[in-house]
PDB file of N, CA and C in Angstrom:
ATOM      1  N   MET A   1       0.850  -1.186   0.000  1.00  0.00           N
ATOM      2  CA  MET A   1       0.000   0.000   0.000  1.00  0.00           C
ATOM      3  C   MET A   1       0.891   1.243   0.000  1.00  0.00           C
ATOM      4  N   ASN A   2       0.517   2.234  -0.722  1.00  0.00           N
ATOM      5  CA  ASN A   2       1.314   3.455  -0.843  1.00  0.00           C
ATOM      6  C   ASN A   2       1.416   4.214   0.477  1.00  0.00           C
ATOM      7  N   TYR A   3       0.414   4.113   1.327  1.00  0.00           N
ATOM      8  CA  TYR A   3       0.473   4.818   2.610  1.00  0.00           C
ATOM      9  C   TYR A   3       1.632   4.300   3.459  1.00  0.00           C
ATOM     10  N   SER A   4       1.874   3.004   3.412  1.00  0.00           N
ATOM     11  CA  SER A   4       2.998   2.425   4.157  1.00  0.00           C
ATOM     12  C   SER A   4       4.313   3.024   3.687  1.00  0.00           C
ATOM     13  N   GLU A   5       4.408   3.268   2.393  1.00  0.00           N
ATOM     14  CA  GLU A   5       5.599   3.912   1.843  1.00  0.00           C
ATOM     15  C   GLU A   5       5.739   5.339   2.368  1.00  0.00           C
ATOM     16  N   ALA A   6       4.634   6.056   2.463  1.00  0.00           N
ATOM     17  CA  ALA A   6       4.662   7.434   2.948  1.00  0.00           C
ATOM     18  C   ALA A   6       5.129   7.489   4.399  1.00  0.00           C
ATOM     19  N   VAL A   7       4.664   6.545   5.196  1.00  0.00           N
ATOM     20  CA  VAL A   7       5.039   6.514   6.612  1.00  0.00           C
ATOM     21  C   VAL A   7       6.550   6.355   6.767  1.00  0.00           C
ATOM     22  N   SER A   8       7.165   5.635   5.859  1.00  0.00           N
ATOM     23  CA  SER A   8       8.613   5.420   5.954  1.00  0.00           C
ATOM     24  C   SER A   8       9.400   6.353   5.029  1.00  0.00           C
ATOM     25  N   ALA A   9       8.820   7.490   4.711  1.00  0.00           N
ATOM     26  CA  ALA A   9       9.486   8.458   3.828  1.00  0.00           C
ATOM     27  C   ALA A   9      10.813   8.914   4.426  1.00  0.00           C
ATOM     28  N   GLU A  10      11.724   9.255   3.534  1.00  0.00           N
ATOM     29  CA  GLU A  10      13.062   9.655   3.959  1.00  0.00           C
ATOM     30  C   GLU A  10      13.175  11.138   4.283  1.00  0.00           C
ATOM     31  N   SER A  11      12.196  11.911   3.851  1.00  0.00           N
ATOM     32  CA  SER A  11      12.201  13.351   4.129  1.00  0.00           C
ATOM     33  C   SER A  11      10.771  13.862   4.044  1.00  0.00           C
ATOM     34  N   THR A  12      10.590  15.112   4.414  1.00  0.00           N
ATOM     35  CA  THR A  12       9.255  15.706   4.326  1.00  0.00           C
ATOM     36  C   THR A  12       8.807  15.799   2.877  1.00  0.00           C
ATOM     37  N   LYS A  13       9.718  16.165   1.997  1.00  0.00           N
ATOM     38  CA  LYS A  13       9.371  16.235   0.571  1.00  0.00           C
ATOM     39  C   LYS A  13       8.976  14.863   0.036  1.00  0.00           C
ATOM     40  N   ASP A  14       9.703  13.844   0.453  1.00  0.00           N
ATOM     41  CA  ASP A  14       9.386  12.477   0.040  1.00  0.00           C
ATOM     42  C   ASP A  14       8.020  12.064   0.600  1.00  0.00           C
ATOM     43  N   PHE A  15       7.743  12.435   1.832  1.00  0.00           N
ATOM     44  CA  PHE A  15       6.453  12.153   2.466  1.00  0.00           C
ATOM     45  C   PHE A  15       5.315  12.792   1.670  1.00  0.00           C
ATOM     46  N   ILE A  16       5.482  14.046   1.322  1.00  0.00           N
ATOM     47  CA  ILE A  16       4.459  14.763   0.549  1.00  0.00           C
ATOM     48  C   ILE A  16       4.257  14.092  -0.808  1.00  0.00           C
ATOM     49  N   HIS A  17       5.348  13.732  -1.445  1.00  0.00           N
ATOM     50  CA  HIS A  17       5.266  13.066  -2.746  1.00  0.00           C
ATOM     51  C   HIS A  17       4.492  11.756  -2.637  1.00  0.00           C
ATOM     52  N   LYS A  18       4.813  10.968  -1.638  1.00  0.00           N
ATOM     53  CA  LYS A  18       4.156   9.670  -1.483  1.00  0.00           C
ATOM     54  C   LYS A  18       2.692   9.819  -1.071  1.00  0.00           C
ATOM     55  N   LEU A  19       2.387  10.810  -0.246  1.00  0.00           N
ATOM     56  CA  LEU A  19       0.981  11.074   0.088  1.00  0.00           C
ATOM     57  C   LEU A  19       0.214  11.507  -1.150  1.00  0.00           C
ATOM     58  N   SER A  20       0.868  12.256  -2.015  1.00  0.00           N
ATOM     59  CA  SER A  20       0.229  12.686  -3.262  1.00  0.00           C
ATOM     60  C   SER A  20      -0.102  11.490  -4.146  1.00  0.00           C
ATOM     61  N   ILE A  21       0.742  10.480  -4.126  1.00  0.00           N
ATOM     62  CA  ILE A  21       0.464   9.255  -4.880  1.00  0.00           C
ATOM     63  C   ILE A  21      -0.740   8.536  -4.277  1.00  0.00           C
ATOM     64  N   VAL A  22      -0.818   8.494  -2.949  1.00  0.00           N
ATOM     65  CA  VAL A  22      -1.978   7.903  -2.282  1.00  0.00           C
ATOM     66  C   VAL A  22      -3.242   8.634  -2.726  1.00  0.00           C
ATOM     67  N   LEU A  23      -3.184   9.937  -2.744  1.00  0.00           N
ATOM     68  CA  LEU A  23      -4.327  10.754  -3.149  1.00  0.00           C
ATOM     69  C   LEU A  23      -4.723  10.475  -4.605  1.00  0.00           C
ATOM     70  N   LYS A  24      -3.737  10.354  -5.459  1.00  0.00           N
ATOM     71  CA  LYS A  24      -3.984  10.042  -6.867  1.00  0.00           C
ATOM     72  C   LYS A  24      -4.695   8.692  -7.005  1.00  0.00           C
ATOM     73  N   GLU A  25      -4.240   7.697  -6.253  1.00  0.00           N
ATOM     74  CA  GLU A  25      -4.853   6.366  -6.285  1.00  0.00           C
ATOM     75  C   GLU A  25      -6.285   6.396  -5.749  1.00  0.00           C
ATOM     76  N   LEU A  26      -6.524   7.187  -4.715  1.00  0.00           N
ATOM     77  CA  LEU A  26      -7.880   7.313  -4.179  1.00  0.00           C
ATOM     78  C   LEU A  26      -8.816   7.949  -5.209  1.00  0.00           C
ATOM     79  N   ARG A  27      -8.321   8.947  -5.905  1.00  0.00           N
ATOM     80  CA  ARG A  27      -9.145   9.593  -6.938  1.00  0.00           C
ATOM     81  C   ARG A  27      -9.443   8.619  -8.080  1.00  0.00           C
ATOM     82  N   GLU A  28      -8.475   7.786  -8.406  1.00  0.00           N
ATOM     83  CA  GLU A  28      -8.700   6.779  -9.442  1.00  0.00           C
ATOM     84  C   GLU A  28      -9.740   5.753  -8.964  1.00  0.00           C
ATOM     85  N   THR A  29      -9.656   5.372  -7.713  1.00  0.00           N
ATOM     86  CA  THR A  29     -10.642   4.454  -7.142  1.00  0.00           C
ATOM     87  C   THR A  29     -12.033   5.059  -7.208  1.00  0.00           C
ATOM     88  N   TYR A  30     -12.131   6.350  -6.895  1.00  0.00           N
ATOM     89  CA  TYR A  30     -13.423   7.032  -6.956  1.00  0.00           C
ATOM     90  C   TYR A  30     -13.978   6.989  -8.384  1.00  0.00           C
ATOM     91  N   SER A  31     -13.110   7.215  -9.356  1.00  0.00           N
ATOM     92  CA  SER A  31     -13.531   7.150 -10.759  1.00  0.00           C
ATOM     93  C   SER A  31     -14.005   5.749 -11.129  1.00  0.00           C
ATOM     94  N   CYS A  32     -13.317   4.743 -10.641  1.00  0.00           N
ATOM     95  CA  CYS A  32     -13.726   3.355 -10.909  1.00  0.00           C
ATOM     96  C   CYS A  32     -15.093   3.071 -10.288  1.00  0.00           C
ATOM     97  N   LEU A  33     -15.329   3.599  -9.097  1.00  0.00           N
ATOM     98  CA  LEU A  33     -16.633   3.427  -8.458  1.00  0.00           C
ATOM     99  C   LEU A  33     -17.734   4.076  -9.297  1.00  0.00           C
ATOM    100  N   GLU A  34     -17.426   5.220  -9.909  1.00  0.00           N
ATOM    101  CA  GLU A  34     -18.400   5.872 -10.785  1.00  0.00           C
ATOM    102  C   GLU A  34     -18.711   5.000 -12.003  1.00  0.00           C
ATOM    103  N   ILE A  35     -17.694   4.364 -12.547  1.00  0.00           N
ATOM    104  CA  ILE A  35     -17.893   3.475 -13.695  1.00  0.00           C
ATOM    105  C   ILE A  35     -18.789   2.299 -13.290  1.00  0.00           C
ATOM    106  N   VAL A  36     -18.519   1.728 -12.125  1.00  0.00           N
ATOM    107  CA  VAL A  36     -19.337   0.621 -11.626  1.00  0.00           C
ATOM    108  C   VAL A  36     -20.782   1.070 -11.458  1.00  0.00           C
ATOM    109  N   SER A  37     -20.961   2.260 -10.904  1.00  0.00           N
ATOM    110  CA  SER A  37     -22.309   2.772 -10.663  1.00  0.00           C
ATOM    111  C   SER A  37     -23.044   3.051 -11.977  1.00  0.00           C
ATOM    112  N   LYS A  38     -22.404   3.812 -12.851  1.00  0.00           N
ATOM    113  CA  LYS A  38     -23.049   4.190 -14.113  1.00  0.00           C
ATOM    114  C   LYS A  38     -23.257   3.003 -15.042  1.00  0.00           C
ATOM    115  N   GLY A  39     -22.413   1.998 -14.905  1.00  0.00           N
ATOM    116  CA  GLY A  39     -22.532   0.814 -15.746  1.00  0.00           C
ATOM    117  C   GLY A  39     -23.507  -0.214 -15.188  1.00  0.00           C
ATOM    118  N   GLY A  40     -24.071   0.096 -14.025  1.00  0.00           N
ATOM    119  CA  GLY A  40     -25.005  -0.840 -13.408  1.00  0.00           C
ATOM    120  C   GLY A  40     -24.347  -2.159 -13.038  1.00  0.00           C
ATOM    121  N   LEU A  41     -23.082  -2.093 -12.669  1.00  0.00           N
ATOM    122  CA  LEU A  41     -22.311  -3.305 -12.400  1.00  0.00           C
ATOM    123  C   LEU A  41     -22.373  -3.770 -10.948  1.00  0.00           C
ATOM    124  N   SER A  42     -23.040  -3.006 -10.102  1.00  0.00           N
ATOM    125  CA  SER A  42     -23.129  -3.368  -8.688  1.00  0.00           C
ATOM    126  C   SER A  42     -24.506  -3.938  -8.384  1.00  0.00           C
ATOM    127  N   GLU A  43     -24.500  -5.037  -7.669  1.00  0.00           N
ATOM    128  CA  GLU A  43     -25.757  -5.636  -7.237  1.00  0.00           C
ATOM    129  C   GLU A  43     -26.182  -5.102  -5.876  1.00  0.00           C
ATOM    130  N   ASN A  44     -25.290  -4.392  -5.219  1.00  0.00           N
ATOM    131  CA  ASN A  44     -25.580  -3.897  -3.883  1.00  0.00           C
ATOM    132  C   ASN A  44     -25.329  -2.388  -3.829  1.00  0.00           C
ATOM    133  N   GLU A  45     -26.374  -1.612  -4.021  1.00  0.00           N
ATOM    134  CA  GLU A  45     -26.249  -0.150  -4.042  1.00  0.00           C
ATOM    135  C   GLU A  45     -25.801   0.412  -2.697  1.00  0.00           C
ATOM    136  N   ASN A  46     -26.223  -0.215  -1.592  1.00  0.00           N
ATOM    137  CA  ASN A  46     -25.803   0.253  -0.265  1.00  0.00           C
ATOM    138  C   ASN A  46     -24.302   0.111  -0.091  1.00  0.00           C
ATOM    139  N   GLN A  47     -23.774  -1.002  -0.537  1.00  0.00           N
ATOM    140  CA  GLN A  47     -22.339  -1.229  -0.435  1.00  0.00           C
ATOM    141  C   GLN A  47     -21.575  -0.255  -1.331  1.00  0.00           C
ATOM    142  N   LEU A  48     -22.088  -0.001  -2.505  1.00  0.00           N
ATOM    143  CA  LEU A  48     -21.458   0.951  -3.422  1.00  0.00           C
ATOM    144  C   LEU A  48     -21.477   2.353  -2.821  1.00  0.00           C
ATOM    145  N   HIS A  49     -22.605   2.738  -2.240  1.00  0.00           N
ATOM    146  CA  HIS A  49     -22.712   4.045  -1.600  1.00  0.00           C
ATOM    147  C   HIS A  49     -21.712   4.166  -0.445  1.00  0.00           C
ATOM    148  N   SER A  50     -21.569   3.114   0.331  1.00  0.00           N
ATOM    149  CA  SER A  50     -20.609   3.116   1.439  1.00  0.00           C
ATOM    150  C   SER A  50     -19.179   3.277   0.923  1.00  0.00           C
ATOM    151  N   ALA A  51     -18.877   2.601  -0.176  1.00  0.00           N
ATOM    152  CA  ALA A  51     -17.536   2.700  -0.763  1.00  0.00           C
ATOM    153  C   ALA A  51     -17.267   4.116  -1.268  1.00  0.00           C
ATOM    154  N   TYR A  52     -18.270   4.726  -1.922  1.00  0.00           N
ATOM    155  CA  TYR A  52     -18.160   6.123  -2.362  1.00  0.00           C
ATOM    156  C   TYR A  52     -17.851   7.029  -1.181  1.00  0.00           C
ATOM    157  N   LYS A  53     -18.637   6.874  -0.133  1.00  0.00           N
ATOM    158  CA  LYS A  53     -18.511   7.734   1.045  1.00  0.00           C
ATOM    159  C   LYS A  53     -17.134   7.573   1.687  1.00  0.00           C
ATOM    160  N   GLU A  54     -16.703   6.340   1.869  1.00  0.00           N
ATOM    161  CA  GLU A  54     -15.407   6.097   2.487  1.00  0.00           C
ATOM    162  C   GLU A  54     -14.274   6.646   1.630  1.00  0.00           C
ATOM    163  N   CYS A  55     -14.360   6.439   0.336  1.00  0.00           N
ATOM    164  CA  CYS A  55     -13.330   6.940  -0.577  1.00  0.00           C
ATOM    165  C   CYS A  55     -13.276   8.468  -0.521  1.00  0.00           C
ATOM    166  N   ASN A  56     -14.421   9.098  -0.527  1.00  0.00           N
ATOM    167  CA  ASN A  56     -14.488  10.558  -0.461  1.00  0.00           C
ATOM    168  C   ASN A  56     -13.909  11.082   0.853  1.00  0.00           C
ATOM    169  N   GLU A  57     -14.210  10.399   1.955  1.00  0.00           N
ATOM    170  CA  GLU A  57     -13.666  10.795   3.253  1.00  0.00           C
ATOM    171  C   GLU A  57     -12.147  10.661   3.273  1.00  0.00           C
ATOM    172  N   LEU A  58     -11.638   9.572   2.704  1.00  0.00           N
ATOM    173  CA  LEU A  58     -10.188   9.378   2.643  1.00  0.00           C
ATOM    174  C   LEU A  58      -9.526  10.436   1.767  1.00  0.00           C
ATOM    175  N   ILE A  59     -10.163  10.789   0.674  1.00  0.00           N
ATOM    176  CA  ILE A  59      -9.633  11.865  -0.178  1.00  0.00           C
ATOM    177  C   ILE A  59      -9.523  13.150   0.625  1.00  0.00           C
ATOM    178  N   SER A  60     -10.554  13.481   1.375  1.00  0.00           N
ATOM    179  CA  SER A  60     -10.540  14.701   2.198  1.00  0.00           C
ATOM    180  C   SER A  60      -9.414  14.677   3.217  1.00  0.00           C
ATOM    181  N   ILE A  61      -9.232  13.527   3.862  1.00  0.00           N
ATOM    182  CA  ILE A  61      -8.171  13.388   4.872  1.00  0.00           C
ATOM    183  C   ILE A  61      -6.800  13.590   4.237  1.00  0.00           C
ATOM    184  N   PHE A  62      -6.572  12.955   3.096  1.00  0.00           N
ATOM    185  CA  PHE A  62      -5.251  13.050   2.473  1.00  0.00           C
ATOM    186  C   PHE A  62      -5.001  14.411   1.833  1.00  0.00           C
ATOM    187  N   VAL A  63      -6.031  15.068   1.322  1.00  0.00           N
ATOM    188  CA  VAL A  63      -5.862  16.439   0.822  1.00  0.00           C
ATOM    189  C   VAL A  63      -5.388  17.325   1.967  1.00  0.00           C
ATOM    190  N   LYS A  64      -6.040  17.206   3.111  1.00  0.00           N
ATOM    191  CA  LYS A  64      -5.678  18.019   4.282  1.00  0.00           C
ATOM    192  C   LYS A  64      -4.259  17.684   4.742  1.00  0.00           C
ATOM    193  N   SER A  65      -3.907  16.399   4.729  1.00  0.00           N
ATOM    194  CA  SER A  65      -2.565  15.989   5.152  1.00  0.00           C
ATOM    195  C   SER A  65      -1.491  16.560   4.237  1.00  0.00           C
ATOM    196  N   VAL A  66      -1.741  16.534   2.932  1.00  0.00           N
ATOM    197  CA  VAL A  66      -0.770  17.094   1.981  1.00  0.00           C
ATOM    198  C   VAL A  66      -0.637  18.600   2.207  1.00  0.00           C
ATOM    199  N   LYS A  67      -1.767  19.292   2.360  1.00  0.00           N
ATOM    200  CA  LYS A  67      -1.727  20.746   2.585  1.00  0.00           C
ATOM    201  C   LYS A  67      -0.977  21.080   3.859  1.00  0.00           C
ATOM    202  N   THR A  68      -1.249  20.346   4.932  1.00  0.00           N
ATOM    203  CA  THR A  68      -0.574  20.594   6.215  1.00  0.00           C
ATOM    204  C   THR A  68       0.921  20.330   6.085  1.00  0.00           C
ATOM    205  N   SER A  69       1.279  19.249   5.431  1.00  0.00           N
ATOM    206  CA  SER A  69       2.694  18.917   5.259  1.00  0.00           C
ATOM    207  C   SER A  69       3.419  19.967   4.430  1.00  0.00           C
ATOM    208  N   LYS A  70       2.775  20.457   3.383  1.00  0.00           N
ATOM    209  CA  LYS A  70       3.378  21.516   2.572  1.00  0.00           C
ATOM    210  C   LYS A  70       3.556  22.791   3.377  1.00  0.00           C
ATOM    211  N   ARG A  71       2.552  23.124   4.178  1.00  0.00           N
ATOM    212  CA  ARG A  71       2.643  24.324   5.026  1.00  0.00           C
ATOM    213  C   ARG A  71       3.781  24.179   6.033  1.00  0.00           C
ATOM    214  N   ASN A  72       3.906  23.000   6.644  1.00  0.00           N
ATOM    215  CA  ASN A  72       4.970  22.785   7.623  1.00  0.00           C
ATOM    216  C   ASN A  72       6.342  22.778   6.982  1.00  0.00           C
ATOM    217  N   LEU A  73       6.420  22.370   5.726  1.00  0.00           N
ATOM    218  CA  LEU A  73       7.684  22.364   5.005  1.00  0.00           C
ATOM    219  C   LEU A  73       8.208  23.781   4.810  1.00  0.00           C
ATOM    220  N   LYS A  74       7.313  24.737   4.629  1.00  0.00           N
ATOM    221  CA  LYS A  74       7.701  26.127   4.391  1.00  0.00           C
ATOM    222  C   LYS A  74       8.206  26.816   5.650  1.00  0.00           C
ATOM    223  N   LYS A  75       7.895  26.257   6.810  1.00  0.00           N
ATOM    224  CA  LYS A  75       8.296  26.908   8.086  1.00  0.00           C
ATOM    225  C   LYS A  75       9.767  26.736   8.359  1.00  0.00           C
TER     226      LYS A  75
END
C-alpha cells in the first residue's frame, strides 16, 4: 500500500510526494466506483454508496494531510 511507503518516507518532501500518490490512487478508485455505478455493475447499491462515502472521506483526509505537510515544510 502506498500509505505504508509514505510513513517510511526519507524526508518531508518524500512524504508529501508519497501522500500525493496515495491521493492520486484514491481519486482513481473514486472514478472506478463511478464506472461501476453508471454501468449498473453493482448488485448492492448500499455497499457501493458506502464505498463512495469512504473513498471521499479518505480523499478529504489526504488532501488536508498534503496541505498541512506543505505548510509545515515552508516553516
